[in-house]
Amino acid sequence: MAILKNIILKTELILHKNTFYTPIKAMNITFGIDANFSRPMGVTMTSILLNHPNETIIFHVFTDGIDIEDKQRLQELVNKFPVAIKLYYIDISAFTKLHSTLQWSIATYYRFIMGQALYGEVETILYLDADIVCLGSLKELFSMNLQGKTIAAAADVIDPYNFPIRMKKINITSGRYFNAGVLYIDIRQWHDNDISERALQELMKHPEKYDYLDQDVLNVLLENDVQFIDKTYNYLYNMEKETGSIPSNVKLLHYATRQKPWHLWCVHPLTKYFDQYAAQSPWKNVLSISQPRNYKEMKMLAKMMWKNGCLKESVYWYYCYCKEKLLMR
């Protein structure tokens, strides 16, 4: 059964008045989000546009819905920059049987739609998670030769000590594992090799096998079909553990762990890059997430309060964390 058949309900094109929709000539960049990630995605878009003032860019957004206010902000972005944004509204029923977590909603699977939707329209695309900011030019990445590989991706370095266990569990023998938050993709090869359907079928058959969901299964399917690129194109940063700076040549900074720069309780110095581009975006006056939405975020807030000497508040949120976690059992 074709899981992705008729998955797109409708499309909507948002264009600058002086822009034409010419994807074959553009830098095509895709996102897969639910409504909760509209603001981070908008900040990512803004950072890309500010670092590519003379480039033709088209953003393809696969979503189950965007609030009307955020759609208006996308229009503001298009009015400010000569860019095109194409929205693909999807039927989420194909994904409801797939596993999701507090950290990864079913929106993580929306990236699989791009191979079908963009086949025959573009040759290559850049998929990005929406927790990324662009700090430099991506022109060299878009001009790279994939040398017959289906994708280019950077090695995952967030949790290297667990890699041997993870790779053994999913039967990866090459010793290399990529992060799926930044993927430069040959659309024809992705489509012809039926990567999306194969990945979804595998995730439905063996959900217990893949702790990192779609990222794990993509590593299995593309183990010998990936060209590894420099980590500057997907600089993975763990704000829960790291406190330092980043190299000056980083092109894409990826806030890859649960602590995100739009959480008001996140006081890490590297939130400055997100804040910098948020202030130049149509989302500049939109509040960051001010209250934790689940027990894991409650725990992070409690730790942050303790670290900053707010002992009373820390004890309160740790109590909320313990209570909520008990209710989850």
Protein backbone atom coordinates (compact mmCIF):
# COMPACT_ATOMS: atom_id res chain seq x y z
CA MET A 1 0.00 0.00 0.00
CA ALA A 2 1.31 3.45 -0.91
CA ILE A 3 1.27 5.37 2.36
CA LEU A 4 1.87 8.75 0.75
CA LYS A 5 -0.72 8.47 -2.02
CA ASN A 6 -2.92 11.60 -2.10
CA ILE A 7 -1.21 12.87 1.05
CA ILE A 8 -1.25 16.53 -0.07
CA LEU A 9 -4.69 18.08 0.36
CA LYS A 10 -3.88 21.42 -1.25
CA THR A 11 -1.04 23.84 -1.94
CA GLU A 12 -0.76 27.59 -1.56
CA LEU A 13 1.84 29.89 -3.12
CA ILE A 14 2.97 33.11 -1.44
CA LEU A 15 4.95 35.29 -3.85
CA HIS A 16 6.74 38.62 -3.75
CA LYS A 17 5.25 40.94 -6.38
CA ASN A 18 8.54 40.97 -8.32
CA THR A 19 9.18 37.24 -7.99
CA PHE A 20 8.31 34.32 -10.25
CA TYR A 21 7.94 30.72 -9.15
CA THR A 22 10.89 29.16 -10.99
CA PRO A 23 12.11 26.27 -8.82
CA ILE A 24 14.49 24.86 -11.42
CA LYS A 25 16.59 28.06 -11.12
CA ALA A 26 16.33 28.53 -7.36
CA MET A 27 17.87 27.37 -4.13
CA ASN A 28 15.03 25.09 -3.01
CA ILE A 29 14.78 24.65 0.76
CA THR A 30 12.18 22.51 2.53
CA PHE A 31 10.72 22.28 6.02
CA GLY A 32 8.25 19.91 7.68
CA ILE A 33 6.42 21.48 10.64
CA ASP A 34 3.29 21.64 12.72
CA ALA A 35 1.86 24.97 13.89
CA ASN A 36 4.07 25.00 17.02
CA PHE A 37 7.19 25.45 14.91
CA SER A 38 6.00 28.31 12.69
CA ARG A 39 8.00 30.93 14.60
CA PRO A 40 11.31 29.00 14.72
CA MET A 41 10.91 28.19 11.00
CA GLY A 42 10.26 31.86 10.25
CA VAL A 43 13.45 32.81 12.08
CA THR A 44 15.38 30.15 10.13
CA MET A 45 13.98 31.55 6.87
CA THR A 46 14.94 35.09 7.88
CA SER A 47 18.50 34.04 8.70
CA ILE A 48 18.85 32.34 5.30
CA LEU A 49 17.49 35.33 3.39
CA LEU A 50 19.74 37.81 5.21
CA ASN A 51 22.79 35.69 4.38
CA HIS A 52 21.81 35.34 0.68
CA PRO A 53 20.71 38.80 -0.46
CA ASN A 54 21.29 38.15 -4.16
CA GLU A 55 20.04 34.58 -4.47
CA THR A 56 16.74 33.22 -5.79
CA ILE A 57 15.25 31.17 -2.97
CA ILE A 58 12.07 29.12 -2.72
CA PHE A 59 10.89 27.68 0.58
CA HIS A 60 8.69 24.57 0.44
CA VAL A 61 6.78 24.03 3.70
CA PHE A 62 5.01 20.74 4.42
CA THR A 63 2.55 21.23 7.26
CA ASP A 64 -0.68 20.03 8.83
CA GLY A 65 -1.71 23.63 9.39
CA ILE A 66 -0.44 27.15 10.07
CA ASP A 67 -2.22 29.72 12.22
CA ILE A 68 -3.62 32.68 10.30
CA GLU A 69 -1.33 35.08 12.16
CA ASP A 70 1.74 33.11 11.10
CA LYS A 71 0.53 32.98 7.51
CA GLN A 72 0.28 36.77 7.62
CA ARG A 73 3.85 36.91 8.92
CA LEU A 74 4.98 34.69 6.04
CA GLN A 75 3.36 37.23 3.73
CA GLU A 76 5.30 40.00 5.51
CA LEU A 77 8.50 38.03 4.93
CA VAL A 78 7.66 37.70 1.23
CA ASN A 79 6.91 41.44 1.03
CA LYS A 80 10.29 42.22 2.57
CA PHE A 81 12.41 39.80 0.54
CA PRO A 82 12.15 38.65 -3.12
CA VAL A 83 11.30 35.08 -2.13
CA ALA A 84 8.62 32.48 -2.86
CA ILE A 85 7.02 30.28 -0.20
CA LYS A 86 4.93 27.27 -1.20
CA LEU A 87 2.76 25.66 1.47
CA TYR A 88 1.77 22.01 1.17
CA TYR A 89 -1.14 21.14 3.45
CA ILE A 90 -1.09 17.45 4.28
CA ASP A 91 -3.45 14.76 5.48
CA ILE A 92 -1.93 13.58 8.76
CA SER A 93 -3.89 10.32 8.85
CA ALA A 94 -1.02 8.54 7.08
CA PHE A 95 1.24 9.27 10.06
CA THR A 96 -1.03 8.73 13.06
CA LYS A 97 0.01 5.08 13.45
CA LEU A 98 3.69 6.01 13.59
CA HIS A 99 5.53 6.39 16.87
CA SER A 100 6.07 9.88 18.29
CA THR A 101 7.56 11.26 21.52
CA LEU A 102 7.46 14.44 23.61
CA GLN A 103 10.56 15.60 21.75
CA TRP A 104 9.55 14.44 18.27
CA SER A 105 5.95 14.89 17.12
CA ILE A 106 4.59 13.21 13.99
CA ALA A 107 5.75 16.32 12.10
CA THR A 108 9.18 14.69 12.03
CA TYR A 109 7.82 12.41 9.30
CA TYR A 110 6.65 15.24 7.04
CA ARG A 111 10.07 15.39 5.39
CA PHE A 112 9.19 12.15 3.62
CA ILE A 113 6.58 13.92 1.48
CA MET A 114 9.10 16.07 -0.38
CA GLY A 115 10.41 13.25 -2.59
CA GLN A 116 6.98 12.74 -4.08
CA ALA A 117 5.83 16.38 -4.17
CA LEU A 118 8.98 17.84 -5.75
CA TYR A 119 9.89 15.00 -8.11
CA GLY A 120 10.10 16.31 -11.67
CA GLU A 121 10.09 19.92 -10.46
CA VAL A 122 13.54 20.28 -8.92
CA GLU A 123 16.81 18.37 -9.17
CA THR A 124 18.10 18.93 -5.64
CA ILE A 125 16.68 20.29 -2.42
CA LEU A 126 17.99 21.18 1.00
CA TYR A 127 15.89 19.86 3.88
CA LEU A 128 16.28 21.70 7.19
CA ASP A 129 14.89 21.16 10.66
CA ALA A 130 13.26 24.32 12.03
CA ASP A 131 15.64 24.62 15.02
CA ILE A 132 18.48 25.94 12.88
CA VAL A 133 19.87 29.40 12.13
CA CYS A 134 21.95 30.20 9.08
CA LEU A 135 25.17 32.09 9.81
CA GLY A 136 26.85 32.04 6.39
CA SER A 137 26.56 31.27 2.70
CA LEU A 138 25.14 27.94 1.50
CA LYS A 139 26.10 28.48 -2.16
CA GLU A 140 28.96 25.99 -2.02
CA LEU A 141 26.66 23.33 -0.58
CA PHE A 142 24.10 23.88 -3.35
CA SER A 143 26.79 23.61 -6.02
CA MET A 144 28.38 20.42 -4.68
CA ASN A 145 28.64 17.24 -6.71
CA LEU A 146 26.91 14.39 -4.89
CA GLN A 147 29.08 11.89 -6.80
CA GLY A 148 26.23 9.50 -7.41
CA LYS A 149 24.98 9.52 -3.81
CA THR A 150 21.36 10.19 -2.91
CA ILE A 151 22.10 12.59 -0.06
CA ALA A 152 24.80 14.65 1.58
CA ALA A 153 24.72 14.95 5.37
CA ALA A 154 26.96 15.66 8.35
CA ALA A 155 27.95 13.12 10.99
CA ASP A 156 25.91 13.15 14.19
CA VAL A 157 28.13 14.06 17.15
CA ILE A 158 25.57 14.83 19.87
CA ASP A 159 25.74 11.46 21.61
CA PRO A 160 28.90 9.67 20.39
CA TYR A 161 29.22 7.35 23.39
CA ASN A 162 25.94 5.64 22.56
CA PHE A 163 26.64 5.30 18.84
CA PRO A 164 28.10 1.76 18.99
CA ILE A 165 25.01 0.52 20.83
CA ARG A 166 22.63 2.35 18.52
CA MET A 167 24.35 1.22 15.33
CA LYS A 168 24.42 -2.37 16.52
CA LYS A 169 20.70 -2.23 17.28
CA ILE A 170 19.82 -1.02 13.78
CA ASN A 171 22.48 -3.14 12.03
CA ILE A 172 24.71 -0.37 10.70
CA THR A 173 28.15 -1.82 9.99
CA SER A 174 29.86 1.15 8.33
CA GLY A 175 30.57 2.84 11.66
CA ARG A 176 29.15 6.15 10.42
CA TYR A 177 25.86 7.76 11.35
CA PHE A 178 24.47 11.06 10.04
CA ASN A 179 22.15 13.64 11.53
CA ALA A 180 18.97 14.02 9.46
CA GLY A 181 18.31 17.66 10.41
CA VAL A 182 20.22 18.89 7.36
CA LEU A 183 19.95 16.83 4.17
CA TYR A 184 21.04 17.89 0.70
CA ILE A 185 19.09 15.55 -1.57
CA ASP A 186 19.12 14.35 -5.15
CA ILE A 187 15.36 14.24 -5.65
CA ARG A 188 15.41 11.88 -8.62
CA GLN A 189 17.47 9.26 -6.80
CA TRP A 190 15.40 9.66 -3.63
CA HIS A 191 12.23 9.11 -5.65
CA ASP A 192 13.54 6.31 -7.86
CA ASN A 193 14.87 4.42 -4.82
CA ASP A 194 11.48 4.86 -3.11
CA ILE A 195 13.16 6.07 0.08
CA SER A 196 10.06 7.64 1.62
CA GLU A 197 7.72 4.66 1.24
CA ARG A 198 10.37 2.16 2.30
CA ALA A 199 11.20 4.22 5.40
CA LEU A 200 7.59 4.57 6.49
CA GLN A 201 6.84 0.90 5.89
CA GLU A 202 9.85 -0.09 7.98
CA LEU A 203 8.88 2.27 10.81
CA MET A 204 5.39 0.77 10.87
CA LYS A 205 6.66 -2.81 10.90
CA HIS A 206 9.39 -2.39 13.54
CA PRO A 207 8.67 0.72 15.68
CA GLU A 208 10.53 -0.74 18.65
CA LYS A 209 13.79 -0.92 16.70
CA TYR A 210 14.23 2.76 15.93
CA ASP A 211 14.79 4.92 19.00
CA TYR A 212 15.57 7.94 16.83
CA LEU A 213 12.60 7.29 14.54
CA ASP A 214 13.02 8.57 10.99
CA GLN A 215 16.67 9.50 11.50
CA ASP A 216 17.54 5.91 12.41
CA VAL A 217 15.67 4.39 9.48
CA LEU A 218 17.18 6.86 7.01
CA ASN A 219 20.64 5.87 8.24
CA VAL A 220 19.74 2.23 7.59
CA LEU A 221 18.36 2.82 4.09
CA LEU A 222 21.11 5.24 3.05
CA GLU A 223 24.05 3.72 4.91
CA ASN A 224 26.14 3.37 1.74
CA ASP A 225 24.40 6.12 -0.21
CA VAL A 226 25.46 9.24 1.69
CA GLN A 227 28.26 11.70 1.07
CA PHE A 228 29.45 13.09 4.40
CA ILE A 229 29.97 16.84 4.51
CA ASP A 230 31.74 19.16 6.91
CA LYS A 231 30.08 19.69 10.28
CA THR A 232 29.96 23.45 9.64
CA TYR A 233 26.87 22.76 7.51
CA ASN A 234 25.13 21.15 10.48
CA TYR A 235 26.91 22.30 13.60
CA LEU A 236 25.13 20.34 16.32
CA TYR A 237 25.08 22.13 19.64
CA ASN A 238 23.87 20.78 22.95
CA MET A 239 22.87 23.74 25.13
CA GLU A 240 22.13 21.41 28.03
CA LYS A 241 25.81 20.46 28.33
CA GLU A 242 28.02 22.80 26.31
CA THR A 243 28.78 26.35 27.41
CA GLY A 244 31.41 27.48 24.92
CA SER A 245 31.45 29.35 21.63
CA ILE A 246 31.31 28.10 18.03
CA PRO A 247 33.86 28.35 15.19
CA SER A 248 33.63 31.42 12.97
CA ASN A 249 33.06 29.35 9.81
CA VAL A 250 29.80 27.69 10.93
CA LYS A 251 27.15 27.96 8.20
CA LEU A 252 24.21 26.27 9.93
CA LEU A 253 23.92 26.23 13.71
CA HIS A 254 21.59 23.43 14.85
CA TYR A 255 20.04 23.66 18.32
CA ALA A 256 19.60 19.91 18.23
CA THR A 257 18.60 18.95 21.77
CA ARG A 258 15.54 19.60 23.93
CA GLN A 259 16.75 22.98 25.16
CA LYS A 260 15.72 25.50 22.48
CA PRO A 261 16.64 29.19 22.20
CA TRP A 262 12.96 30.23 22.10
CA HIS A 263 12.34 28.82 25.58
CA LEU A 264 12.34 31.77 27.97
CA TRP A 265 14.07 29.60 30.57
CA CYS A 266 16.98 28.99 28.18
CA VAL A 267 19.73 31.39 29.22
CA HIS A 268 22.57 29.89 27.19
CA PRO A 269 24.80 32.51 25.49
CA LEU A 270 24.30 30.93 22.05
CA THR A 271 20.65 31.94 22.05
CA LYS A 272 22.04 35.27 20.81
CA TYR A 273 22.14 34.00 17.23
CA PHE A 274 18.47 33.01 17.28
CA ASP A 275 17.53 36.28 19.02
CA GLN A 276 19.50 38.28 16.45
CA TYR A 277 17.51 36.92 13.51
CA ALA A 278 14.21 36.80 15.40
CA ALA A 279 14.57 40.57 15.95
CA GLN A 280 14.84 41.08 12.17
CA SER A 281 11.91 38.84 11.34
CA PRO A 282 8.12 39.33 11.24
CA TRP A 283 8.05 37.23 14.45
CA LYS A 284 10.05 39.80 16.45
CA ASN A 285 7.10 40.69 18.69
CA VAL A 286 5.89 37.12 19.20
CA LEU A 287 6.52 35.83 22.69
CA SER A 288 8.82 32.89 23.23
CA ILE A 289 7.47 29.84 25.05
CA SER A 290 7.17 31.04 28.64
CA GLN A 291 5.69 28.00 30.37
CA PRO A 292 6.89 24.39 30.19
CA ARG A 293 4.44 22.15 28.31
CA ASN A 294 5.50 18.75 29.68
CA TYR A 295 7.43 17.17 32.53
CA LYS A 296 10.73 17.18 30.66
CA GLU A 297 10.52 20.93 30.13
CA MET A 298 9.55 21.35 33.78
CA LYS A 299 12.73 19.55 34.78
CA MET A 300 14.84 21.75 32.49
CA LEU A 301 13.24 24.88 33.96
CA ALA A 302 13.88 23.62 37.51
CA LYS A 303 17.57 23.04 36.71
CA MET A 304 17.91 26.47 35.11
CA MET A 305 16.29 28.18 38.13
CA TRP A 306 18.64 26.33 40.50
CA LYS A 307 21.67 27.24 38.41
CA ASN A 308 20.67 30.92 38.54
CA GLY A 309 20.04 30.96 42.28
CA CYS A 310 16.24 31.03 42.12
CA LEU A 311 15.89 28.27 44.70
CA LYS A 312 12.23 28.74 45.57
CA GLU A 313 11.17 28.67 41.91
CA SER A 314 13.45 25.71 41.27
CA VAL A 315 11.86 23.67 44.05
CA TYR A 316 8.39 24.56 42.77
CA TRP A 317 9.10 23.42 39.20
CA TYR A 318 10.87 20.29 40.39
CA TYR A 319 7.75 19.46 42.39
CA CYS A 320 5.64 20.03 39.24
CA TYR A 321 8.01 17.80 37.27
CA CYS A 322 7.74 14.95 39.80
CA LYS A 323 3.96 15.24 39.99
CA GLU A 324 3.52 15.28 36.21
CA LYS A 325 5.89 12.38 35.70
CA LEU A 326 3.98 10.28 38.22
CA LEU A 327 0.75 11.01 36.35
CA MET A 328 2.38 9.75 33.14
CA ARG A 329 2.84 6.28 34.60
